[in-house]
Amino acid sequence: MRNVIKDYNAYMNLDLSAFEGLWIAIFNGQVVASGANPKKVYGEAMGASKNKMVMLAKVPERGVVEIL
């Protein structure tokens, strides 16, 4: 559970402006993969994390508000 909270906090606090409009995967508080295709991003992230749980999220474009 601790890693889930760490990854969520990273999502909320990291400067993700370079990833606007893209899918990102966060593992252990760091972005480990990004791209336009969520399946590919997830696959890359699973390799980087050695098949441990990763957080997958889409970074909204500037001016777009997402309600979770």
Foldseek 3Di string as FASTA:
>chain_A
DVFVVLCVVLVVPPPCQVQAQWKFKDGSSDTQAIDNDQVVRVVSVCVVVVNDDIDIDHHHHPPDDDDD
